[in-house]
C-alpha atoms as a PDB file:
ATOM      1  CA  MET A   1     321.245  11.709  33.065  1.00  0.00           C
ATOM      2  CA  SER A   2     317.530  10.125  32.205  1.00  0.00           C
ATOM      3  CA  VAL A   3     314.285  11.296  32.518  1.00  0.00           C
ATOM      4  CA  ALA A   4     313.268   9.388  35.250  1.00  0.00           C
ATOM      5  CA  THR A   5     316.008  10.231  37.421  1.00  0.00           C
ATOM      6  CA  ASN A   6     316.142  14.257  36.386  1.00  0.00           C
ATOM      7  CA  LEU A   7     312.493  14.137  37.360  1.00  0.00           C
ATOM      8  CA  SER A   8     313.416  12.100  40.712  1.00  0.00           C
ATOM      9  CA  SER A   9     315.645  15.119  41.157  1.00  0.00           C
ATOM     10  CA  LEU A  10     313.058  17.490  40.941  1.00  0.00           C
ATOM     11  CA  ASP A  11     310.896  15.377  43.434  1.00  0.00           C
ATOM     12  CA  ASP A  12     313.574  15.328  46.114  1.00  0.00           C
ATOM     13  CA  GLU A  13     314.174  19.358  45.520  1.00  0.00           C
ATOM     14  CA  ARG A  14     310.474  20.473  45.961  1.00  0.00           C
ATOM     15  CA  ARG A  15     310.574  18.034  49.338  1.00  0.00           C
ATOM     16  CA  SER A  16     313.665  19.857  50.457  1.00  0.00           C
ATOM     17  CA  PHE A  17     311.601  22.743  50.994  1.00  0.00           C
ATOM     18  CA  GLN A  18     309.326  23.450  53.920  1.00  0.00           C
ATOM     19  CA  ARG A  19     305.978  24.514  53.126  1.00  0.00           C
ATOM     20  CA  VAL A  20     304.012  26.641  55.277  1.00  0.00           C
ATOM     21  CA  LYS A  21     300.034  26.651  55.865  1.00  0.00           C
ATOM     22  CA  VAL A  22     298.905  30.575  53.674  1.00  0.00           C
ATOM     23  CA  SER A  23     295.393  31.395  52.764  1.00  0.00           C
ATOM     24  CA  ILE A  24     296.675  33.573  49.895  1.00  0.00           C
ATOM     25  CA  TYR A  25     294.177  34.529  47.218  1.00  0.00           C
ATOM     26  CA  GLY A  26     295.100  35.496  43.874  1.00  0.00           C
ATOM     27  CA  ARG A  27     294.382  34.766  39.801  1.00  0.00           C
ATOM     28  CA  PHE A  28     295.950  32.435  37.636  1.00  0.00           C
ATOM     29  CA  MET A  29     296.413  31.950  33.808  1.00  0.00           C
ATOM     30  CA  LEU A  30     296.899  28.658  31.871  1.00  0.00           C
ATOM     31  CA  GLU A  31     298.052  27.853  28.550  1.00  0.00           C
ATOM     32  CA  ASP A  32     294.645  28.751  26.950  1.00  0.00           C
ATOM     33  CA  ARG A  33     294.958  32.391  28.450  1.00  0.00           C
ATOM     34  CA  SER A  34     292.018  31.974  30.528  1.00  0.00           C
ATOM     35  CA  GLU A  35     292.257  33.686  33.948  1.00  0.00           C
ATOM     36  CA  HIS A  36     290.530  32.278  37.449  1.00  0.00           C
ATOM     37  CA  ALA A  37     290.485  32.992  40.863  1.00  0.00           C
ATOM     38  CA  CYS A  38     292.475  30.775  43.870  1.00  0.00           C
ATOM     39  CA  ARG A  39     292.879  30.719  47.192  1.00  0.00           C
ATOM     40  CA  VAL A  40     296.541  29.250  47.920  1.00  0.00           C
ATOM     41  CA  THR A  41     296.734  26.564  51.048  1.00  0.00           C
ATOM     42  CA  ASP A  42     300.478  25.872  51.653  1.00  0.00           C
ATOM     43  CA  MET A  43     303.084  26.652  49.914  1.00  0.00           C
ATOM     44  CA  SER A  44     307.097  26.070  49.588  1.00  0.00           C
ATOM     45  CA  PRO A  45     309.723  28.017  47.726  1.00  0.00           C
ATOM     46  CA  GLY A  46     309.177  25.220  44.978  1.00  0.00           C
ATOM     47  CA  ASP A  47     305.502  24.490  45.256  1.00  0.00           C
ATOM     48  CA  VAL A  48     302.402  25.655  45.617  1.00  0.00           C
ATOM     49  CA  CYS A  49     298.434  23.855  46.417  1.00  0.00           C
ATOM     50  CA  MET A  50     295.507  26.179  45.828  1.00  0.00           C
ATOM     51  CA  ILE A  51     292.263  25.419  45.837  1.00  0.00           C
ATOM     52  CA  THR A  52     289.843  26.666  42.359  1.00  0.00           C
ATOM     53  CA  GLN A  53     286.971  26.420  40.750  1.00  0.00           C
ATOM     54  CA  ARG A  54     289.010  25.433  37.287  1.00  0.00           C
ATOM     55  CA  SER A  55     291.644  23.330  37.008  1.00  0.00           C
ATOM     56  CA  GLY A  56     294.069  22.509  34.095  1.00  0.00           C
ATOM     57  CA  ARG A  57     296.202  19.751  33.180  1.00  0.00           C
ATOM     58  CA  GLN A  58     299.091  17.729  34.566  1.00  0.00           C
ATOM     59  CA  GLY A  59     302.107  19.208  32.933  1.00  0.00           C
ATOM     60  CA  GLU A  60     300.391  22.105  32.182  1.00  0.00           C
ATOM     61  CA  ARG A  61     302.333  25.418  32.476  1.00  0.00           C
ATOM     62  CA  VAL A  62     300.185  27.951  35.165  1.00  0.00           C
ATOM     63  CA  ILE A  63     301.362  31.683  35.487  1.00  0.00           C
ATOM     64  CA  ALA A  64     300.075  32.914  38.687  1.00  0.00           C
ATOM     65  CA  TYR A  65     299.841  36.196  40.708  1.00  0.00           C
ATOM     66  CA  LEU A  66     299.058  35.980  44.573  1.00  0.00           C
ATOM     67  CA  ASP A  67     298.240  38.688  47.063  1.00  0.00           C
ATOM     68  CA  HIS A  68     301.221  39.610  48.809  1.00  0.00           C
ATOM     69  CA  ILE A  69     303.904  37.246  46.469  1.00  0.00           C
ATOM     70  CA  GLY A  70     303.761  38.465  43.270  1.00  0.00           C
ATOM     71  CA  ARG A  71     304.107  36.479  40.038  1.00  0.00           C
ATOM     72  CA  ILE A  72     305.028  33.538  40.022  1.00  0.00           C
ATOM     73  CA  GLU A  73     304.949  30.575  37.138  1.00  0.00           C
ATOM     74  CA  GLY A  74     305.739  26.699  36.996  1.00  0.00           C
ATOM     75  CA  GLU A  75     303.528  23.535  35.743  1.00  0.00           C
ATOM     76  CA  ILE A  76     300.936  21.751  37.542  1.00  0.00           C
ATOM     77  CA  ILE A  77     302.168  18.274  38.761  1.00  0.00           C
ATOM     78  CA  ARG A  78     299.077  17.200  40.601  1.00  0.00           C
ATOM     79  CA  VAL A  79     295.026  17.599  40.101  1.00  0.00           C
ATOM     80  CA  ASN A  80     292.791  17.266  42.810  1.00  0.00           C
ATOM     81  CA  ARG A  81     288.821  17.827  43.488  1.00  0.00           C
ATOM     82  CA  ASP A  82     289.153  20.956  44.442  1.00  0.00           C
ATOM     83  CA  GLY A  83     292.266  22.365  42.367  1.00  0.00           C
ATOM     84  CA  PHE A  84     295.560  21.639  41.837  1.00  0.00           C
ATOM     85  CA  ALA A  85     299.899  21.287  43.042  1.00  0.00           C
ATOM     86  CA  MET A  86     302.180  23.348  40.479  1.00  0.00           C
ATOM     87  CA  THR A  87     306.076  23.659  41.324  1.00  0.00           C
ATOM     88  CA  VAL A  88     307.338  27.113  41.338  1.00  0.00           C
ATOM     89  CA  VAL A  89     309.892  28.089  38.938  1.00  0.00           C
ATOM     90  CA  ALA A  90     312.213  30.535  39.780  1.00  0.00           C
ATOM     91  CA  SER A  91     316.151  31.655  40.283  1.00  0.00           C
ATOM     92  CA  GLU A  92     317.990  30.694  43.711  1.00  0.00           C
ATOM     93  CA  ARG A  93     317.564  34.502  44.439  1.00  0.00           C
ATOM     94  CA  LYS A  94     313.790  34.270  43.879  1.00  0.00           C
ATOM     95  CA  ARG A  95     313.544  31.544  46.323  1.00  0.00           C
ATOM     96  CA  ASP A  96     315.610  33.165  48.698  1.00  0.00           C
ATOM     97  CA  LYS A  97     312.430  35.971  48.781  1.00  0.00           C
ATOM     98  CA  LEU A  98     310.108  33.913  48.415  1.00  0.00           C
ATOM     99  CA  ALA A  99     311.339  31.454  51.222  1.00  0.00           C
ATOM    100  CA  ALA A 100     311.384  35.480  53.395  1.00  0.00           C
ATOM    101  CA  GLN A 101     308.045  36.317  52.351  1.00  0.00           C
ATOM    102  CA  LEU A 102     306.069  32.891  53.376  1.00  0.00           C
ATOM    103  CA  THR A 103     308.896  33.121  56.482  1.00  0.00           C
ATOM    104  CA  TRP A 104     306.906  36.678  57.087  1.00  0.00           C
ATOM    105  CA  LEU A 105     303.037  34.921  56.410  1.00  0.00           C
ATOM    106  CA  ALA A 106     303.591  32.121  58.646  1.00  0.00           C
ATOM    107  CA  ASN A 107     304.817  34.799  61.556  1.00  0.00           C
ATOM    108  CA  LYS A 108     302.094  36.610  60.519  1.00  0.00           C
ATOM    109  CA  HIS A 109     299.056  33.852  61.506  1.00  0.00           C
ATOM    110  CA  GLU A 110     300.933  32.573  64.615  1.00  0.00           C
ATOM    111  CA  LEU A 111     300.463  35.631  65.957  1.00  0.00           C
ATOM    112  CA  ASP A 112     297.191  36.914  64.211  1.00  0.00           C
ATOM    113  CA  LEU A 113     298.783  40.166  62.920  1.00  0.00           C
ATOM    114  CA  PRO A 114     295.825  41.028  60.609  1.00  0.00           C
ATOM    115  CA  GLU A 115     294.082  42.099  63.757  1.00  0.00           C
ATOM    116  CA  ASP A 116     297.193  43.985  65.675  1.00  0.00           C
ATOM    117  CA  ARG A 117     296.973  47.579  65.830  1.00  0.00           C
ATOM    118  CA  ARG A 118     300.772  48.365  63.943  1.00  0.00           C
ATOM    119  CA  HIS A 119     298.550  50.476  61.702  1.00  0.00           C
ATOM    120  CA  GLU A 120     296.806  53.419  63.337  1.00  0.00           C
ATOM    121  CA  ARG A 121     292.863  53.112  63.209  1.00  0.00           C
ATOM    122  CA  ILE A 122     290.549  56.069  61.748  1.00  0.00           C
ATOM    123  CA  ALA A 123     287.135  56.266  62.328  1.00  0.00           C
ATOM    124  CA  PRO A 124     286.191  57.505  58.345  1.00  0.00           C
ATOM    125  CA  ARG A 125     283.590  60.524  58.403  1.00  0.00           C
ATOM    126  CA  ASN A 126     281.604  58.548  55.930  1.00  0.00           C
ATOM    127  CA  PRO A 127     280.603  55.401  57.713  1.00  0.00           C
ATOM    128  CA  ILE A 128     278.690  53.577  55.620  1.00  0.00           C
ATOM    129  CA  SER A 129     279.995  51.535  52.841  1.00  0.00           C
ATOM    130  CA  MET A 130     278.725  48.712  50.928  1.00  0.00           C
ATOM    131  CA  LEU A 131     280.248  44.469  51.709  1.00  0.00           C
ATOM    132  CA  ARG A 132     280.312  42.399  48.734  1.00  0.00           C
ATOM    133  CA  LEU A 133     280.533  38.723  48.679  1.00  0.00           C
ATOM    134  CA  PRO A 134     281.910  36.295  45.898  1.00  0.00           C
ATOM    135  CA  ASP A 135     278.878  35.480  44.765  1.00  0.00           C
ATOM    136  CA  GLY A 136     278.398  39.164  43.975  1.00  0.00           C
ATOM    137  CA  ARG A 137     275.726  39.940  46.705  1.00  0.00           C
ATOM    138  CA  GLU A 138     276.400  43.388  48.302  1.00  0.00           C
ATOM    139  CA  TYR A 139     274.829  44.624  51.954  1.00  0.00           C
ATOM    140  CA  ARG A 140     275.211  48.068  53.573  1.00  0.00           C
ATOM    141  CA  CYS A 141     277.284  47.904  56.665  1.00  0.00           C
ATOM    142  CA  ARG A 142     278.707  50.174  58.706  1.00  0.00           C
ATOM    143  CA  ILE A 143     282.519  50.755  59.020  1.00  0.00           C
ATOM    144  CA  ILE A 144     283.426  51.020  63.036  1.00  0.00           C
ATOM    145  CA  ASP A 145     287.210  51.833  61.986  1.00  0.00           C
ATOM    146  CA  LEU A 146     289.646  51.220  58.934  1.00  0.00           C
ATOM    147  CA  SER A 147     293.265  51.418  59.139  1.00  0.00           C
ATOM    148  CA  LEU A 148     296.078  50.987  56.223  1.00  0.00           C
ATOM    149  CA  SER A 149     295.547  46.902  56.654  1.00  0.00           C
ATOM    150  CA  GLY A 150     292.147  46.586  57.215  1.00  0.00           C
ATOM    151  CA  ALA A 151     288.268  47.561  59.025  1.00  0.00           C
ATOM    152  CA  ALA A 152     286.558  46.415  61.521  1.00  0.00           C
ATOM    153  CA  VAL A 153     283.244  46.653  60.286  1.00  0.00           C
ATOM    154  CA  GLU A 154     279.222  46.422  61.311  1.00  0.00           C
ATOM    155  CA  SER A 155     277.091  44.345  59.136  1.00  0.00           C
ATOM    156  CA  GLU A 156     273.760  42.207  58.946  1.00  0.00           C
ATOM    157  CA  VAL A 157     275.788  39.363  57.137  1.00  0.00           C
ATOM    158  CA  ARG A 158     279.023  37.183  58.889  1.00  0.00           C
ATOM    159  CA  PRO A 159     280.678  35.662  56.813  1.00  0.00           C
ATOM    160  CA  GLU A 160     283.291  32.663  57.535  1.00  0.00           C
ATOM    161  CA  ARG A 161     286.571  33.703  58.626  1.00  0.00           C
ATOM    162  CA  GLY A 162     288.854  33.259  55.168  1.00  0.00           C
ATOM    163  CA  THR A 163     285.847  34.274  52.895  1.00  0.00           C
ATOM    164  CA  GLN A 164     287.348  36.992  49.960  1.00  0.00           C
ATOM    165  CA  VAL A 165     284.647  39.863  50.141  1.00  0.00           C
ATOM    166  CA  HIS A 166     285.311  43.673  48.904  1.00  0.00           C
ATOM    167  CA  LEU A 167     284.489  46.254  50.899  1.00  0.00           C
ATOM    168  CA  GLY A 168     283.865  49.172  48.774  1.00  0.00           C
ATOM    169  CA  THR A 169     286.318  48.856  45.804  1.00  0.00           C
ATOM    170  CA  MET A 170     289.019  47.521  48.267  1.00  0.00           C
ATOM    171  CA  ARG A 171     289.626  43.617  47.883  1.00  0.00           C
ATOM    172  CA  GLY A 172     290.560  41.872  51.011  1.00  0.00           C
ATOM    173  CA  GLN A 173     289.159  38.235  53.858  1.00  0.00           C
ATOM    174  CA  VAL A 174     287.270  38.649  56.862  1.00  0.00           C
ATOM    175  CA  VAL A 175     289.860  38.053  59.300  1.00  0.00           C
ATOM    176  CA  ARG A 176     288.102  37.838  62.671  1.00  0.00           C
ATOM    177  CA  LEU A 177     283.854  37.828  63.569  1.00  0.00           C
ATOM    178  CA  PHE A 178     282.347  39.890  66.689  1.00  0.00           C
ATOM    179  CA  ASP A 179     278.761  40.020  67.689  1.00  0.00           C
ATOM    180  CA  ASP A 180     277.921  42.528  65.369  1.00  0.00           C
ATOM    181  CA  GLY A 181     279.979  42.095  62.441  1.00  0.00           C
ATOM    182  CA  VAL A 182     283.234  41.487  61.249  1.00  0.00           C
ATOM    183  CA  ALA A 183     287.113  42.637  61.031  1.00  0.00           C
ATOM    184  CA  ILE A 184     288.989  42.665  56.912  1.00  0.00           C
ATOM    185  CA  GLU A 185     292.491  42.508  56.420  1.00  0.00           C
ATOM    186  CA  PHE A 186     292.742  44.172  53.258  1.00  0.00           C
ATOM    187  CA  ALA A 187     294.802  42.019  50.054  1.00  0.00           C
ATOM    188  CA  SER A 188     297.613  44.958  50.096  1.00  0.00           C
ATOM    189  CA  ILE A 189     298.702  47.581  52.133  1.00  0.00           C
ATOM    190  CA  GLN A 190     296.697  51.116  51.522  1.00  0.00           C
ATOM    191  CA  ASN A 191     298.076  54.063  51.452  1.00  0.00           C
ATOM    192  CA  ARG A 192     296.140  56.953  53.234  1.00  0.00           C
ATOM    193  CA  GLN A 193     295.649  58.768  49.722  1.00  0.00           C
ATOM    194  CA  ALA A 194     293.029  55.968  48.360  1.00  0.00           C
ATOM    195  CA  LEU A 195     291.577  55.960  51.956  1.00  0.00           C
ATOM    196  CA  GLU A 196     290.587  59.095  51.511  1.00  0.00           C
ATOM    197  CA  ALA A 197     289.798  58.946  48.200  1.00  0.00           C
ATOM    198  CA  GLU A 198     287.261  55.460  49.352  1.00  0.00           C
ATOM    199  CA  PHE A 199     285.955  56.561  52.736  1.00  0.00           C
ATOM    200  CA  SER A 200     286.287  60.403  53.342  1.00  0.00           C
ATOM    201  CA  LEU A 201     289.093  60.648  56.524  1.00  0.00           C
ATOM    202  CA  PRO A 202     288.886  62.747  58.428  1.00  0.00           C
ATOM    203  CA  THR A 203     291.666  66.282  58.003  1.00  0.00           C
ATOM    204  CA  GLU A 204     294.765  65.407  59.432  1.00  0.00           C
ATOM    205  CA  SER A 205     295.748  67.468  63.095  1.00  0.00           C
END
């Protein structure tokens, strides 16, 4: 098989996967071992598009660690002004798992699940915390309530939806704005012990 035919087959394979619009944060490593932050905007089990301030070169090998997804690897197939697209090199079993994860993420977005009540909401004993923006600025905020998956906070700043932030040491992103603050979805589901250590939860009855 010629190189051109092989590349064409890879293109056909990538096109056969259904892409899903997502907003997933993570980090990636280039061949020079430098690490950079990124945000995935759409993804399939065969490829992924991400926004980042630093891009590699076409054909460069990339390893990425994405929230909700985990570790992926592949190579850059297209570079643009805002970032790049890369292949996802994975076994058939891994692709099936990715397809299931992406289906869940797509449904989660459609149903607006970050703001549902699938986890119990708790008012912490110490509601005062710090909200840190991507540029490093920090603002004092008051936690209205929180759960294993996110928090609602009152704050003088209201970053736009999709902004990556830190609430204390918890990383997450803004999923909703309201009059006096924002709702934040944590990057991963927390456990009660972690929330207790960070925010001083009331004693369970």
